[in-house]
Amino acid sequence: MSLGTGPAAGPRRAAVRLDREGPSRPPGRGGPSGISPLPGPVDPGGPDGVAHGTIGGTMGSENRMEPLGPGSRGPAVADVQAALRSLGLLEPDGAGAAEVYDETTALAVRHFQQVRGLSVDGRVGEETYRSLSEARWSLGDRLLHHDPERPIRGDDVTNLQERLLELGYDAGRADGIFGRETEAGLQAFQRDYGLTSDGTCGPSTLRALRQLGRKVTGGRPQLLRQSASFVDSGPHLIGRRIVVDPGHGGGDPGFTAGVTTEADLVLDLARRIEGRLAAAGATVYLTRGRHQDPTPEERTRFANDARADLFISLHMDAHGSQHARGVASYYFGTGSGTSSTVGERFADLARREVVARTGMLDLGGHPKTWDLLRWTRMPAVRLDCGYLSHPVDRLLLLDARLRGTVASAVLAAVQRLFLPADADPPTGTFVLPQRRALG
């Protein structure tokens, strides 16, 4: 079945689509993005499949790495195993096990991925490789400071952010990235406790942090402020900057169902959402056109440079099980209390609106630490709109009318995010009023 028509008819307001080779800064936006380039991949080596490189030491380019999995061998596999041993997930060296990615290594990787909020597949791709590198750091192992060109990342940064948040200082989201918000929160702490306010976490700052008990209970104030600021900014969508990110694209078609690809379907859906949001007054950006496949770093950098209010990533899923079907939503979170409050609410709103209007199965909302959710400086969600591998979901998603319904559901969720609790309508009932012509 061919794709349906484009976005809903009606006036468009500042809708921007990227039809060049990859995303770039939106018009009128410049300056640093606040996100360093992707740590590059392991060199997969020659045709023998031997991987080369070390954790945290060789990842410097933006090429996409070939994942390590069962059967892989070489120094990079040995580095992964060493990292897993340091975390207590692998036993000490066994006879002949070094540099071979065996089933024991795969099980340890799956456990690590589950705990860290990553996709669990037992293979080491870019995100898992980078997360293993970050997990080796403990607070006190190194000096921490803000580097705008290559922000410091690691579990020690996460520990510092969580400590500052517990003391009542706004250090931003506990995402393990030492950015400007973390620097400002650290400087405020240093000023209050008579330390040199240089924004660097060294021995004296660590001593002060360890001597103090937790001050804030019953919630983190900066998260409560973020939630309140969305409602306080007013219910209208006029001027809101929203980035819609259709997954895959270019040479990556995603899941293919006959002649239709996931990449084409989510781009069509993104354009429908774009049209509805623009008609409501929002400024909308798409991260790609039909022939581009930006990296996660490029997608999030574009959203950060646009200073977007929301980031919505669209996907459709597939699975080998014939029973896999339904709609799921994802937001930034570690599963242990650290999460994006607004992101979690928006993920819940968007998924429930889609389920209520389409009758598809509700698979719930889930916290994840995926790069796409972690690197954005605004609330971000990923919405998986169904399983193209399931015959019922596939028939629904191939229907242009159903995709229009999903787009209307996303519009309703965006609008509800800005409404006060006493004006929030029941799920599935909200219809945005038509805007009156001016003059």
Protein backbone atom coordinates (compact mmCIF):
# COMPACT_ATOMS: atom_id res chain seq x y z
CA MET A 1 0.00 0.00 0.00
CA SER A 2 1.38 3.42 -0.85
CA LEU A 3 1.80 6.14 1.70
CA GLY A 4 -1.04 8.54 2.23
CA THR A 5 -1.10 12.24 1.61
CA GLY A 6 1.00 14.79 3.47
CA PRO A 7 0.19 16.69 6.65
CA ALA A 8 -3.26 17.91 7.44
CA ALA A 9 -4.41 20.85 5.43
CA GLY A 10 -4.52 24.27 7.01
CA PRO A 11 -2.27 27.24 7.70
CA ARG A 12 1.36 26.54 8.56
CA ARG A 13 3.33 28.61 10.99
CA ALA A 14 7.10 28.47 10.84
CA ALA A 15 7.33 24.79 9.98
CA VAL A 16 10.89 23.89 9.03
CA ARG A 17 12.03 20.65 7.40
CA LEU A 18 15.63 19.66 6.79
CA ASP A 19 16.03 18.47 3.20
CA ARG A 20 19.79 18.83 3.03
CA GLU A 21 22.38 16.18 3.73
CA GLY A 22 21.88 15.81 7.45
CA PRO A 23 20.66 18.32 10.03
CA SER A 24 22.18 21.74 10.55
CA ARG A 25 21.47 24.70 12.80
CA PRO A 26 18.01 26.22 12.46
CA PRO A 27 17.84 29.70 10.92
CA GLY A 28 19.15 32.33 13.29
CA ARG A 29 20.66 29.87 15.75
CA GLY A 30 24.37 29.62 16.34
CA GLY A 31 26.88 28.92 19.04
CA PRO A 32 27.98 25.70 20.62
CA SER A 33 25.51 22.93 21.06
CA GLY A 34 26.72 21.86 24.47
CA ILE A 35 27.20 18.31 23.21
CA SER A 36 30.62 17.01 22.25
CA PRO A 37 31.10 14.85 19.17
CA LEU A 38 30.26 11.20 19.54
CA PRO A 39 33.12 9.23 20.97
CA GLY A 40 34.09 7.26 17.94
CA PRO A 41 33.87 3.56 17.37
CA VAL A 42 36.29 0.76 17.79
CA ASP A 43 38.22 0.07 14.62
CA PRO A 44 36.71 -3.25 13.51
CA GLY A 45 39.99 -4.20 11.92
CA GLY A 46 40.44 -6.10 8.70
CA PRO A 47 38.53 -8.96 7.14
CA ASP A 48 39.56 -11.24 9.99
CA GLY A 49 37.02 -9.41 12.15
CA VAL A 50 39.56 -8.65 14.87
CA ALA A 51 38.61 -5.49 16.72
CA HIS A 52 41.23 -3.02 17.90
CA GLY A 53 41.15 -0.24 20.45
CA THR A 54 40.65 0.36 24.14
CA ILE A 55 37.73 1.53 26.25
CA GLY A 56 37.74 5.31 26.50
CA GLY A 57 41.04 5.65 24.69
CA THR A 58 40.48 5.15 20.98
CA MET A 59 36.95 6.30 20.33
CA GLY A 60 37.51 9.58 18.53
CA SER A 61 35.78 9.59 15.13
CA GLU A 62 32.11 9.87 14.25
CA ASN A 63 31.96 6.68 12.18
CA ARG A 64 29.50 4.09 13.37
CA MET A 65 31.07 1.02 14.91
CA GLU A 66 30.35 -2.57 14.03
CA PRO A 67 28.86 -4.07 17.22
CA LEU A 68 30.83 -6.66 19.14
CA GLY A 69 28.96 -9.90 19.83
CA PRO A 70 29.40 -13.64 20.27
CA GLY A 71 32.30 -14.79 18.11
CA SER A 72 34.09 -11.42 18.06
CA ARG A 73 37.66 -11.43 19.26
CA GLY A 74 40.59 -9.07 19.71
CA PRO A 75 41.88 -6.34 22.05
CA ALA A 76 38.55 -4.46 22.07
CA VAL A 77 36.80 -7.59 23.34
CA ALA A 78 39.47 -7.93 26.03
CA ASP A 79 38.83 -4.32 27.06
CA VAL A 80 35.10 -4.96 27.32
CA GLN A 81 35.76 -8.02 29.46
CA ALA A 82 38.17 -6.05 31.68
CA ALA A 83 35.52 -3.37 32.18
CA LEU A 84 32.92 -6.00 33.08
CA ARG A 85 35.32 -7.59 35.57
CA SER A 86 35.98 -4.24 37.21
CA LEU A 87 32.23 -3.91 37.71
CA GLY A 88 31.99 -7.39 39.22
CA LEU A 89 30.00 -8.77 36.29
CA LEU A 90 32.62 -11.27 35.13
CA GLU A 91 34.78 -13.68 37.09
CA PRO A 92 38.58 -13.22 37.00
CA ASP A 93 40.38 -14.44 33.89
CA GLY A 94 39.63 -18.02 33.00
CA ALA A 95 41.81 -20.28 30.94
CA GLY A 96 41.73 -19.29 27.29
CA ALA A 97 38.76 -16.91 27.66
CA ALA A 98 40.61 -13.65 27.01
CA GLU A 99 39.79 -11.66 23.86
CA VAL A 100 36.94 -14.00 22.85
CA TYR A 101 33.34 -12.76 23.08
CA ASP A 102 31.69 -15.87 24.51
CA GLU A 103 28.23 -16.53 25.96
CA THR A 104 29.40 -15.61 29.47
CA THR A 105 30.47 -12.20 28.18
CA ALA A 106 27.15 -11.78 26.38
CA LEU A 107 25.21 -12.54 29.57
CA ALA A 108 27.32 -10.04 31.53
CA VAL A 109 26.71 -7.40 28.84
CA ARG A 110 22.96 -8.05 28.94
CA HIS A 111 22.97 -7.56 32.72
CA PHE A 112 24.95 -4.32 32.36
CA GLN A 113 22.58 -3.04 29.68
CA GLN A 114 19.52 -3.86 31.80
CA VAL A 115 20.89 -2.02 34.83
CA ARG A 116 21.97 1.01 32.80
CA GLY A 117 18.68 1.48 30.93
CA LEU A 118 20.10 0.56 27.54
CA SER A 119 18.65 -1.67 24.84
CA VAL A 120 19.27 -5.24 26.00
CA ASP A 121 20.70 -7.37 23.20
CA GLY A 122 23.95 -8.74 24.64
CA ARG A 123 26.02 -6.92 21.99
CA VAL A 124 28.39 -3.99 22.46
CA GLY A 125 27.59 -1.13 20.13
CA GLU A 126 28.45 2.55 20.50
CA GLU A 127 26.10 3.29 23.40
CA THR A 128 27.08 0.23 25.44
CA TYR A 129 30.77 0.76 24.70
CA ARG A 130 30.57 4.36 25.84
CA SER A 131 28.53 3.43 28.91
CA LEU A 132 31.16 0.86 29.94
CA SER A 133 33.78 3.58 29.67
CA GLU A 134 31.74 5.97 31.82
CA ALA A 135 30.98 3.31 34.44
CA ARG A 136 34.65 2.96 35.38
CA TRP A 137 34.77 6.41 37.01
CA SER A 138 34.03 6.96 40.72
CA LEU A 139 33.71 10.35 42.36
CA GLY A 140 37.21 11.44 43.38
CA ASP A 141 39.07 9.61 40.61
CA ARG A 142 39.70 12.84 38.66
CA LEU A 143 39.11 16.58 38.69
CA LEU A 144 35.70 17.49 37.29
CA HIS A 145 35.04 20.76 35.47
CA HIS A 146 33.06 22.13 32.55
CA ASP A 147 34.71 21.78 29.14
CA PRO A 148 32.36 23.28 26.52
CA GLU A 149 34.18 21.55 23.65
CA ARG A 150 34.30 18.03 25.13
CA PRO A 151 32.11 17.81 28.25
CA ILE A 152 33.35 15.32 30.85
CA ARG A 153 31.09 12.26 31.11
CA GLY A 154 30.98 9.44 33.61
CA ASP A 155 29.42 7.91 36.69
CA ASP A 156 31.48 10.27 38.85
CA VAL A 157 29.67 13.20 37.21
CA THR A 158 26.34 11.49 37.88
CA ASN A 159 27.31 11.03 41.55
CA LEU A 160 28.29 14.70 41.82
CA GLN A 161 25.03 15.84 40.22
CA GLU A 162 22.95 13.63 42.51
CA ARG A 163 24.83 14.88 45.58
CA LEU A 164 24.24 18.52 44.64
CA LEU A 165 20.57 17.82 43.95
CA GLU A 166 20.18 16.15 47.34
CA LEU A 167 21.67 19.27 48.94
CA GLY A 168 19.12 21.46 47.16
CA TYR A 169 21.34 22.89 44.38
CA ASP A 170 20.12 23.01 40.80
CA ALA A 171 22.74 21.00 38.92
CA GLY A 172 20.43 20.14 36.06
CA ARG A 173 19.50 16.60 35.16
CA ALA A 174 21.62 13.82 36.67
CA ASP A 175 22.70 12.57 33.26
CA GLY A 176 26.43 12.09 33.81
CA ILE A 177 27.39 15.01 31.55
CA PHE A 178 29.23 17.94 33.21
CA GLY A 179 27.49 20.84 31.49
CA ARG A 180 26.82 24.48 32.30
CA GLU A 181 24.00 23.70 34.72
CA THR A 182 26.22 21.36 36.73
CA GLU A 183 28.96 23.98 36.80
CA ALA A 184 26.50 26.64 38.03
CA GLY A 185 25.14 24.33 40.73
CA LEU A 186 28.64 23.45 41.89
CA GLN A 187 29.68 27.11 41.98
CA ALA A 188 26.62 27.95 44.08
CA PHE A 189 27.53 25.19 46.54
CA GLN A 190 31.14 26.38 46.71
CA ARG A 191 30.07 29.98 47.39
CA ASP A 192 27.70 28.95 50.17
CA TYR A 193 30.34 26.90 51.95
CA GLY A 194 33.24 29.32 51.70
CA LEU A 195 35.16 27.47 49.01
CA THR A 196 36.80 28.86 45.91
CA SER A 197 33.91 29.22 43.48
CA ASP A 198 35.70 27.96 40.37
CA GLY A 199 33.25 25.27 39.31
CA THR A 200 35.92 22.57 39.62
CA CYS A 201 35.29 19.55 41.82
CA GLY A 202 38.62 18.80 43.51
CA PRO A 203 39.73 17.47 46.91
CA SER A 204 38.46 20.38 49.03
CA THR A 205 35.03 20.37 47.36
CA LEU A 206 34.79 16.60 47.75
CA ARG A 207 35.58 16.85 51.48
CA ALA A 208 32.83 19.43 51.92
CA LEU A 209 30.32 17.32 50.00
CA ARG A 210 31.10 14.24 52.09
CA GLN A 211 30.76 16.11 55.38
CA LEU A 212 27.23 17.28 54.66
CA GLY A 213 24.02 15.29 55.03
CA ARG A 214 21.10 15.33 52.67
CA LYS A 215 18.98 18.48 52.93
CA VAL A 216 16.16 18.01 50.44
CA THR A 217 13.47 15.39 50.99
CA GLY A 218 10.17 14.70 49.24
CA GLY A 219 11.33 15.54 45.71
CA ARG A 220 13.97 17.51 43.86
CA PRO A 221 13.09 21.19 43.54
CA GLN A 222 14.53 21.75 40.06
CA LEU A 223 12.36 18.94 38.67
CA LEU A 224 9.29 20.42 40.34
CA ARG A 225 10.21 23.84 38.94
CA GLN A 226 10.54 22.41 35.43
CA SER A 227 7.11 20.82 35.61
CA ALA A 228 5.55 24.00 36.97
CA SER A 229 7.25 26.19 34.35
CA PHE A 230 5.50 24.33 31.52
CA VAL A 231 2.09 25.07 32.98
CA ASP A 232 2.99 28.61 34.08
CA SER A 233 4.15 29.51 30.56
CA GLY A 234 0.53 29.38 29.39
CA PRO A 235 -1.68 26.90 27.50
CA HIS A 236 -1.08 28.20 23.97
CA LEU A 237 1.29 26.58 21.49
CA ILE A 238 2.08 29.77 19.58
CA GLY A 239 5.85 30.18 19.41
CA ARG A 240 6.66 26.85 21.06
CA ARG A 241 9.66 25.24 19.38
CA ILE A 242 9.17 21.52 18.82
CA VAL A 243 11.58 19.15 17.09
CA VAL A 244 10.04 16.05 15.50
CA ASP A 245 12.55 13.31 14.77
CA PRO A 246 11.53 10.56 12.31
CA GLY A 247 13.83 7.63 12.98
CA HIS A 248 16.14 5.93 10.46
CA GLY A 249 16.24 7.41 6.93
CA GLY A 250 18.66 7.48 4.02
CA GLY A 251 20.53 4.20 3.79
CA ASP A 252 18.85 2.88 6.95
CA PRO A 253 15.26 1.93 6.08
CA GLY A 254 14.52 0.36 9.46
CA PHE A 255 12.10 -2.56 9.34
CA THR A 256 10.79 -3.33 5.86
CA ALA A 257 7.24 -4.60 5.27
CA GLY A 258 6.88 -5.39 1.57
CA VAL A 259 7.65 -2.26 -0.40
CA THR A 260 7.04 -0.02 2.60
CA THR A 261 9.81 0.86 5.05
CA GLU A 262 9.69 2.05 8.64
CA ALA A 263 11.73 5.10 7.58
CA ASP A 264 9.07 6.17 5.04
CA LEU A 265 6.18 5.57 7.42
CA VAL A 266 7.64 7.55 10.32
CA LEU A 267 8.61 10.40 7.96
CA ASP A 268 5.00 10.53 6.73
CA LEU A 269 3.80 10.49 10.33
CA ALA A 270 6.29 13.22 11.27
CA ARG A 271 5.00 15.44 8.46
CA ARG A 272 1.43 14.95 9.65
CA ILE A 273 2.43 15.91 13.19
CA GLU A 274 4.37 18.85 11.79
CA GLY A 275 1.31 20.13 9.93
CA ARG A 276 -0.99 19.88 12.94
CA LEU A 277 1.46 21.52 15.33
CA ALA A 278 2.25 24.30 12.86
CA ALA A 279 -1.46 24.96 12.35
CA ALA A 280 -1.75 25.36 16.13
CA GLY A 281 0.95 28.03 16.08
CA ALA A 282 4.06 26.06 17.01
CA THR A 283 7.43 26.41 15.29
CA VAL A 284 8.25 22.90 14.09
CA TYR A 285 11.52 21.39 12.91
CA LEU A 286 12.11 17.96 11.37
CA THR A 287 15.53 16.41 11.88
CA ARG A 288 15.70 14.85 8.42
CA GLY A 289 14.21 14.57 4.97
CA ARG A 290 13.75 11.40 2.95
CA HIS A 291 17.38 10.83 2.00
CA GLN A 292 19.21 11.60 5.26
CA ASP A 293 20.06 9.42 8.26
CA PRO A 294 21.58 11.73 10.90
CA THR A 295 23.48 10.23 13.81
CA PRO A 296 21.97 10.52 17.31
CA GLU A 297 24.55 13.22 18.04
CA GLU A 298 23.47 15.21 14.98
CA ARG A 299 19.79 14.87 15.83
CA THR A 300 20.22 15.99 19.45
CA ARG A 301 22.66 18.76 18.55
CA PHE A 302 20.12 20.15 16.10
CA ALA A 303 17.41 20.12 18.78
CA ASN A 304 19.73 21.78 21.30
CA ASP A 305 20.77 24.48 18.81
CA ALA A 306 17.09 25.12 18.06
CA ARG A 307 16.52 25.57 21.81
CA ALA A 308 13.48 23.40 21.42
CA ASP A 309 10.82 23.09 24.12
CA LEU A 310 10.12 19.45 23.23
CA PHE A 311 11.78 16.66 21.26
CA ILE A 312 9.66 13.83 19.82
CA SER A 313 11.35 10.83 18.21
CA LEU A 314 9.15 8.51 16.14
CA HIS A 315 9.73 4.82 15.49
CA MET A 316 7.86 1.64 14.64
CA ASP A 317 9.03 -1.62 16.15
CA ALA A 318 9.57 -5.20 14.98
CA HIS A 319 10.20 -8.48 16.78
CA GLY A 320 10.62 -12.14 15.99
CA SER A 321 7.71 -13.07 18.24
CA GLN A 322 4.37 -13.20 16.46
CA HIS A 323 2.70 -11.89 19.61
CA ALA A 324 4.69 -8.63 19.84
CA ARG A 325 2.37 -5.68 19.20
CA GLY A 326 1.32 -2.35 20.70
CA VAL A 327 2.49 1.18 21.49
CA ALA A 328 5.33 2.03 23.89
CA SER A 329 6.89 5.30 25.00
CA TYR A 330 10.32 6.07 26.43
CA TYR A 331 11.82 8.97 28.38
CA PHE A 332 15.17 9.70 29.99
CA GLY A 333 15.58 7.84 33.25
CA THR A 334 17.86 5.38 34.97
CA GLY A 335 15.12 3.31 36.59
CA SER A 336 16.50 4.18 40.04
CA GLY A 337 14.77 7.51 40.63
CA THR A 338 16.68 9.78 38.23
CA SER A 339 14.41 10.83 35.39
CA SER A 340 13.06 13.69 33.33
CA THR A 341 9.82 14.61 35.10
CA VAL A 342 8.30 16.46 32.16
CA GLY A 343 9.62 13.85 29.74
CA GLU A 344 7.97 11.09 31.75
CA ARG A 345 4.63 12.91 31.80
CA PHE A 346 4.74 13.70 28.09
CA ALA A 347 5.68 10.10 27.22
CA ASP A 348 2.68 8.93 29.24
CA LEU A 349 0.33 11.48 27.66
CA ALA A 350 1.42 10.71 24.09
CA ARG A 351 1.18 6.94 24.48
CA ARG A 352 -2.21 7.00 26.22
CA GLU A 353 -3.65 9.41 23.64
CA VAL A 354 -2.53 7.13 20.80
CA VAL A 355 -3.92 4.03 22.52
CA ALA A 356 -7.25 5.70 23.33
CA ARG A 357 -7.76 6.90 19.75
CA THR A 358 -6.53 3.82 17.87
CA GLY A 359 -7.40 0.89 20.13
CA MET A 360 -3.83 -0.43 19.91
CA LEU A 361 -2.28 -2.31 22.83
CA ASP A 362 -0.71 -0.20 25.60
CA LEU A 363 2.82 -1.39 26.38
CA GLY A 364 3.52 1.32 28.97
CA GLY A 365 6.22 3.95 29.43
CA HIS A 366 9.82 3.08 30.21
CA PRO A 367 12.90 4.99 31.43
CA LYS A 368 15.96 4.66 29.19
CA THR A 369 19.41 6.24 29.01
CA TRP A 370 19.61 6.15 25.21
CA ASP A 371 21.82 8.88 23.72
CA LEU A 372 18.82 10.42 21.96
CA LEU A 373 17.08 10.98 25.31
CA ARG A 374 20.16 11.76 27.36
CA TRP A 375 21.88 14.33 25.16
CA THR A 376 18.85 16.57 24.59
CA ARG A 377 18.64 19.63 26.84
CA MET A 378 14.84 19.65 26.75
CA PRO A 379 12.19 17.04 27.63
CA ALA A 380 12.51 14.28 25.03
CA VAL A 381 10.47 11.18 24.32
CA ARG A 382 10.58 8.32 21.88
CA LEU A 383 7.23 6.98 20.73
CA ASP A 384 7.14 3.49 19.21
CA CYS A 385 3.82 3.51 17.36
CA GLY A 386 3.31 -0.21 16.82
CA TYR A 387 4.93 -3.37 15.42
CA LEU A 388 5.30 -3.65 11.67
CA SER A 389 6.15 -7.31 12.25
CA HIS A 390 2.63 -7.96 13.62
CA PRO A 391 -0.09 -8.38 10.97
CA VAL A 392 -2.75 -6.35 12.82
CA ASP A 393 -0.45 -3.46 13.76
CA ARG A 394 1.02 -3.44 10.26
CA LEU A 395 -2.41 -3.12 8.60
CA LEU A 396 -3.26 -0.26 10.91
CA LEU A 397 0.02 1.59 10.37
CA LEU A 398 -0.21 1.24 6.58
CA ASP A 399 -3.57 3.08 6.71
CA ALA A 400 -3.07 6.80 6.12
CA ARG A 401 -6.15 7.57 8.22
CA LEU A 402 -4.65 5.76 11.21
CA ARG A 403 -1.43 7.75 10.87
CA GLY A 404 -3.53 10.90 10.82
CA THR A 405 -5.19 9.76 14.04
CA VAL A 406 -1.79 9.16 15.65
CA ALA A 407 -0.70 12.66 14.60
CA SER A 408 -3.82 14.15 16.19
CA ALA A 409 -3.09 12.16 19.35
CA VAL A 410 0.42 13.60 19.55
CA LEU A 411 -0.97 17.12 19.06
CA ALA A 412 -3.44 16.54 21.91
CA ALA A 413 -0.62 15.27 24.16
CA VAL A 414 1.53 18.32 23.42
CA GLN A 415 -1.36 20.66 24.21
CA ARG A 416 -2.27 18.81 27.42
CA LEU A 417 1.32 19.12 28.64
CA PHE A 418 0.82 22.89 28.94
CA LEU A 419 -2.62 22.79 30.56
CA PRO A 420 -3.19 23.17 34.32
CA ALA A 421 -4.54 20.11 36.11
CA ASP A 422 -8.04 21.56 36.51
CA ALA A 423 -8.32 22.14 32.75
CA ASP A 424 -6.83 18.82 31.62
CA PRO A 425 -9.50 16.81 29.73
CA PRO A 426 -9.89 13.02 29.86
CA THR A 427 -7.57 11.03 27.61
CA GLY A 428 -8.83 10.67 24.06
CA THR A 429 -11.34 13.52 24.21
CA PHE A 430 -9.27 16.66 23.61
CA VAL A 431 -9.77 18.44 20.27
CA LEU A 432 -7.77 21.59 19.63
CA PRO A 433 -10.12 24.46 18.74
CA GLN A 434 -9.71 25.94 15.26
CA ARG A 435 -7.70 29.15 15.34
CA ARG A 436 -9.68 32.18 14.23
CA ALA A 437 -8.39 34.21 11.35
CA LEU A 438 -6.85 37.53 12.32
CA GLY A 439 -8.41 40.83 11.32
